[in-house]
Amino acid sequence: MVDVSVLFITFWLAAPSPAAVATQASGSITCEFRVFDGGNEISRETRVIVYPSGRSENGLRPDAAGRVSLAPGLYDVQAIRERGGQVAGIRRVEHLLIQRYPDEQGYHLEIINFNAQYGALELKTGGAVEYDAAAFTAGDRTRQVATALRGAGYLLFAVPAGRYDVRVKPAGASTPETWLTDIDVPQGRTRLRTFRPPDARPFGGR
């Protein structure tokens, strides 16, 4: 039995990365798609096709890294999960708004999750320092619920919708550590936060 689900989106919170400079000149936006089933990433077993909203032909397929250049506008996205050469599930995202945000530098990260109860948290890090991050149930730092996945200039969590405290520290080091507290991860969307070390600038995000 093939599971088919449809998600309607009128806006989304996404993320930035280095490759943005090349796309700004052409006016297009580099969009990176990552696909999950709950907390498990299934990008490698999922085909993503992006269509102009309301159309079903001339779809664009992201490259092996999940990236595709898109002009600002509305899009419908189809994620087709395959197992053993068979279609195991289809996730459709309709009316996805792609637009340029000043803090994204022409680079969007879009998370598609086959589990509708999940959301995502993206920590934009940037710079030359790599970080590790872990998410805990808000108010209880003894209960780690997820470890961040690394991306191009960001850290990513795919977690059930809810509130979390996040510990961030330089990769491979035990200190110094910084806590981002009581972050609300919305269902079916991606929360973007910008991380700066405490001695740099305050945290930001949308």
Protein backbone atom coordinates (compact mmCIF):
# COMPACT_ATOMS: atom_id res chain seq x y z
CA MET A 1 0.00 0.00 0.00
CA VAL A 2 1.38 3.38 -1.00
CA ASP A 3 0.98 6.19 1.50
CA VAL A 4 0.04 9.49 -0.13
CA SER A 5 -0.13 12.69 1.90
CA VAL A 6 -0.55 16.32 0.96
CA LEU A 7 0.70 19.32 2.89
CA PHE A 8 -0.48 22.85 2.07
CA ILE A 9 2.02 25.61 2.85
CA THR A 10 1.59 29.32 2.38
CA PHE A 11 4.89 30.37 3.93
CA TRP A 12 8.00 28.73 5.31
CA LEU A 13 11.10 29.44 7.40
CA ALA A 14 14.25 28.23 5.73
CA ALA A 15 18.00 28.65 5.79
CA PRO A 16 21.19 30.02 4.23
CA SER A 17 24.60 28.78 3.03
CA PRO A 18 27.74 29.69 1.04
CA ALA A 19 26.57 28.80 -2.50
CA ALA A 20 24.24 31.78 -2.38
CA VAL A 21 26.61 34.28 -3.96
CA ALA A 22 26.36 32.72 -7.43
CA THR A 23 22.58 32.67 -7.43
CA GLN A 24 22.08 36.28 -6.37
CA ALA A 25 23.45 37.57 -9.65
CA SER A 26 20.83 35.66 -11.67
CA GLY A 27 17.97 36.42 -9.29
CA SER A 28 17.33 32.73 -8.63
CA ILE A 29 17.42 31.09 -5.21
CA THR A 30 19.31 27.89 -4.42
CA CYS A 31 16.93 25.54 -2.64
CA GLU A 32 18.19 22.48 -0.79
CA PHE A 33 15.65 19.74 -0.11
CA ARG A 34 16.12 17.16 2.66
CA VAL A 35 13.51 14.47 3.31
CA PHE A 36 12.71 12.70 6.60
CA ASP A 37 10.43 10.07 8.02
CA GLY A 38 10.12 11.27 11.58
CA GLY A 39 13.67 11.72 12.84
CA ASN A 40 15.25 9.50 10.17
CA GLU A 41 16.62 11.10 7.02
CA ILE A 42 15.48 9.34 3.84
CA SER A 43 16.77 11.81 1.24
CA ARG A 44 18.80 9.14 -0.56
CA GLU A 45 15.77 6.92 -1.12
CA THR A 46 13.44 9.73 -2.15
CA ARG A 47 12.98 11.43 -5.52
CA VAL A 48 11.99 15.09 -5.28
CA ILE A 49 10.30 16.87 -8.19
CA VAL A 50 9.47 20.59 -8.12
CA TYR A 51 6.70 22.06 -10.29
CA PRO A 52 5.40 25.59 -10.74
CA SER A 53 2.26 25.71 -8.59
CA GLY A 54 -0.80 24.27 -10.33
CA ARG A 55 1.17 22.48 -13.05
CA SER A 56 2.21 18.84 -13.44
CA GLU A 57 4.69 19.01 -16.31
CA ASN A 58 8.25 20.26 -16.76
CA GLY A 59 9.20 19.44 -13.19
CA LEU A 60 12.68 20.23 -11.92
CA ARG A 61 14.75 17.62 -10.08
CA PRO A 62 17.36 18.61 -7.50
CA ASP A 63 20.92 17.41 -8.01
CA ALA A 64 22.61 14.66 -5.97
CA ALA A 65 23.10 17.12 -3.10
CA GLY A 66 19.38 17.96 -3.08
CA ARG A 67 19.85 21.43 -4.57
CA VAL A 68 17.97 23.18 -7.35
CA SER A 69 17.86 26.81 -8.50
CA LEU A 70 14.37 28.35 -8.47
CA ALA A 71 12.99 31.75 -9.33
CA PRO A 72 10.93 33.36 -6.55
CA GLY A 73 7.32 32.18 -6.69
CA LEU A 74 4.88 29.42 -5.68
CA TYR A 75 5.73 25.76 -6.23
CA ASP A 76 4.25 22.30 -5.73
CA VAL A 77 6.73 19.65 -4.59
CA GLN A 78 6.37 15.90 -4.85
CA ALA A 79 8.58 13.57 -2.79
CA ILE A 80 8.45 9.92 -3.92
CA ARG A 81 9.93 7.40 -1.51
CA GLU A 82 11.16 4.12 -3.01
CA ARG A 83 12.11 0.81 -1.42
CA GLY A 84 13.40 -2.13 -3.43
CA GLY A 85 12.41 -0.44 -6.67
CA GLN A 86 8.83 0.05 -5.48
CA VAL A 87 7.05 3.28 -4.52
CA ALA A 88 6.57 3.17 -0.73
CA GLY A 89 5.05 6.59 -0.18
CA ILE A 90 4.38 9.98 -1.71
CA ARG A 91 4.45 13.31 0.08
CA ARG A 92 3.09 16.40 -1.69
CA VAL A 93 3.75 19.95 -0.57
CA GLU A 94 1.51 22.45 -2.33
CA HIS A 95 1.78 26.24 -2.64
CA LEU A 96 5.34 26.38 -1.31
CA LEU A 97 6.41 30.02 -1.37
CA ILE A 98 10.01 30.59 -2.43
CA GLN A 99 11.18 34.13 -1.89
CA ARG A 100 14.33 35.98 -1.01
CA TYR A 101 14.87 36.85 2.66
CA PRO A 102 17.69 39.26 3.63
CA ASP A 103 19.20 36.85 6.18
CA GLU A 104 19.24 33.86 3.81
CA GLN A 105 21.68 35.17 1.21
CA GLY A 106 19.87 33.44 -1.65
CA TYR A 107 19.89 29.96 -0.10
CA HIS A 108 16.79 28.12 1.21
CA LEU A 109 16.66 24.87 3.13
CA GLU A 110 13.33 23.04 2.81
CA ILE A 111 12.52 20.03 4.97
CA ILE A 112 9.87 17.51 3.88
CA ASN A 113 8.76 15.01 6.51
CA PHE A 114 6.51 12.01 5.91
CA ASN A 115 5.45 12.23 9.57
CA ALA A 116 3.05 15.15 9.91
CA GLN A 117 3.67 15.43 13.67
CA TYR A 118 7.27 16.51 13.16
CA GLY A 119 8.87 19.89 12.53
CA ALA A 120 12.47 20.99 12.05
CA LEU A 121 14.93 23.34 13.70
CA GLU A 122 17.75 24.81 11.65
CA LEU A 123 20.67 26.53 13.36
CA LYS A 124 22.53 28.74 10.93
CA THR A 125 26.17 28.73 12.03
CA GLY A 126 28.37 29.97 9.17
CA GLY A 127 32.01 30.91 9.73
CA ALA A 128 35.00 28.57 9.92
CA VAL A 129 34.21 26.94 13.29
CA GLU A 130 32.25 23.68 13.28
CA TYR A 131 29.75 23.05 16.05
CA ASP A 132 27.96 20.12 17.64
CA ALA A 133 24.45 20.54 19.00
CA ALA A 134 21.97 18.46 20.97
CA ALA A 135 18.28 19.06 21.67
CA PHE A 136 16.66 18.45 25.05
CA THR A 137 13.08 18.60 26.26
CA ALA A 138 12.53 22.21 27.34
CA GLY A 139 13.25 22.62 31.05
CA ASP A 140 14.88 19.18 31.42
CA ARG A 141 18.54 19.06 30.45
CA THR A 142 18.81 15.40 31.48
CA ARG A 143 16.65 14.24 28.55
CA GLN A 144 18.51 14.52 25.25
CA VAL A 145 16.09 13.81 22.42
CA ALA A 146 18.16 14.47 19.28
CA THR A 147 21.63 15.18 17.93
CA ALA A 148 22.03 17.75 15.16
CA LEU A 149 22.82 16.76 11.58
CA ARG A 150 25.37 18.91 9.77
CA GLY A 151 24.72 20.81 6.57
CA ALA A 152 26.44 23.54 4.54
CA GLY A 153 26.72 26.27 7.16
CA TYR A 154 23.94 24.96 9.38
CA LEU A 155 22.92 22.33 11.94
CA LEU A 156 19.58 20.58 11.62
CA PHE A 157 17.13 18.78 13.91
CA ALA A 158 14.05 16.85 12.76
CA VAL A 159 12.00 16.45 15.92
CA PRO A 160 8.36 16.16 17.04
CA ALA A 161 6.67 19.55 17.24
CA GLY A 162 7.23 21.04 20.68
CA ARG A 163 9.57 23.16 22.79
CA TYR A 164 13.26 22.43 23.21
CA ASP A 165 16.45 23.60 24.90
CA VAL A 166 19.48 23.25 22.60
CA ARG A 167 23.11 22.90 23.68
CA VAL A 168 25.72 24.15 21.21
CA LYS A 169 29.49 23.75 21.55
CA PRO A 170 32.55 23.62 19.27
CA ALA A 171 32.89 20.25 17.53
CA GLY A 172 34.90 17.74 19.54
CA ALA A 173 35.13 19.99 22.60
CA SER A 174 33.39 19.71 25.96
CA THR A 175 33.48 23.47 26.56
CA PRO A 176 32.51 26.20 26.10
CA GLU A 177 28.86 25.32 25.67
CA THR A 178 25.96 27.66 24.96
CA TRP A 179 22.28 27.02 25.60
CA LEU A 180 19.40 28.24 23.45
CA THR A 181 16.33 27.84 25.62
CA ASP A 182 12.63 27.23 25.04
CA ILE A 183 12.71 27.10 21.23
CA ASP A 184 9.32 26.37 19.70
CA VAL A 185 9.50 23.91 16.79
CA PRO A 186 6.26 24.19 14.79
CA GLN A 187 4.48 21.20 13.29
CA GLY A 188 5.17 20.74 9.59
CA ARG A 189 7.51 23.74 9.32
CA THR A 190 11.14 24.68 9.89
CA ARG A 191 12.20 27.08 12.61
CA LEU A 192 15.31 29.07 11.68
CA ARG A 193 17.69 30.41 14.30
CA THR A 194 21.05 32.09 13.75
CA PHE A 195 23.79 31.05 16.16
CA ARG A 196 26.54 33.42 17.23
CA PRO A 197 28.98 32.75 20.09
CA PRO A 198 28.06 34.74 23.22
CA ASP A 199 31.00 37.11 22.77
CA ALA A 200 29.92 37.93 19.19
CA ARG A 201 26.30 38.93 18.65
CA PRO A 202 22.91 37.91 20.07
CA PHE A 203 20.95 35.08 18.57
CA GLY A 204 18.48 35.85 15.84
CA GLY A 205 16.02 34.16 13.56
CA ARG A 206 12.47 34.05 12.39
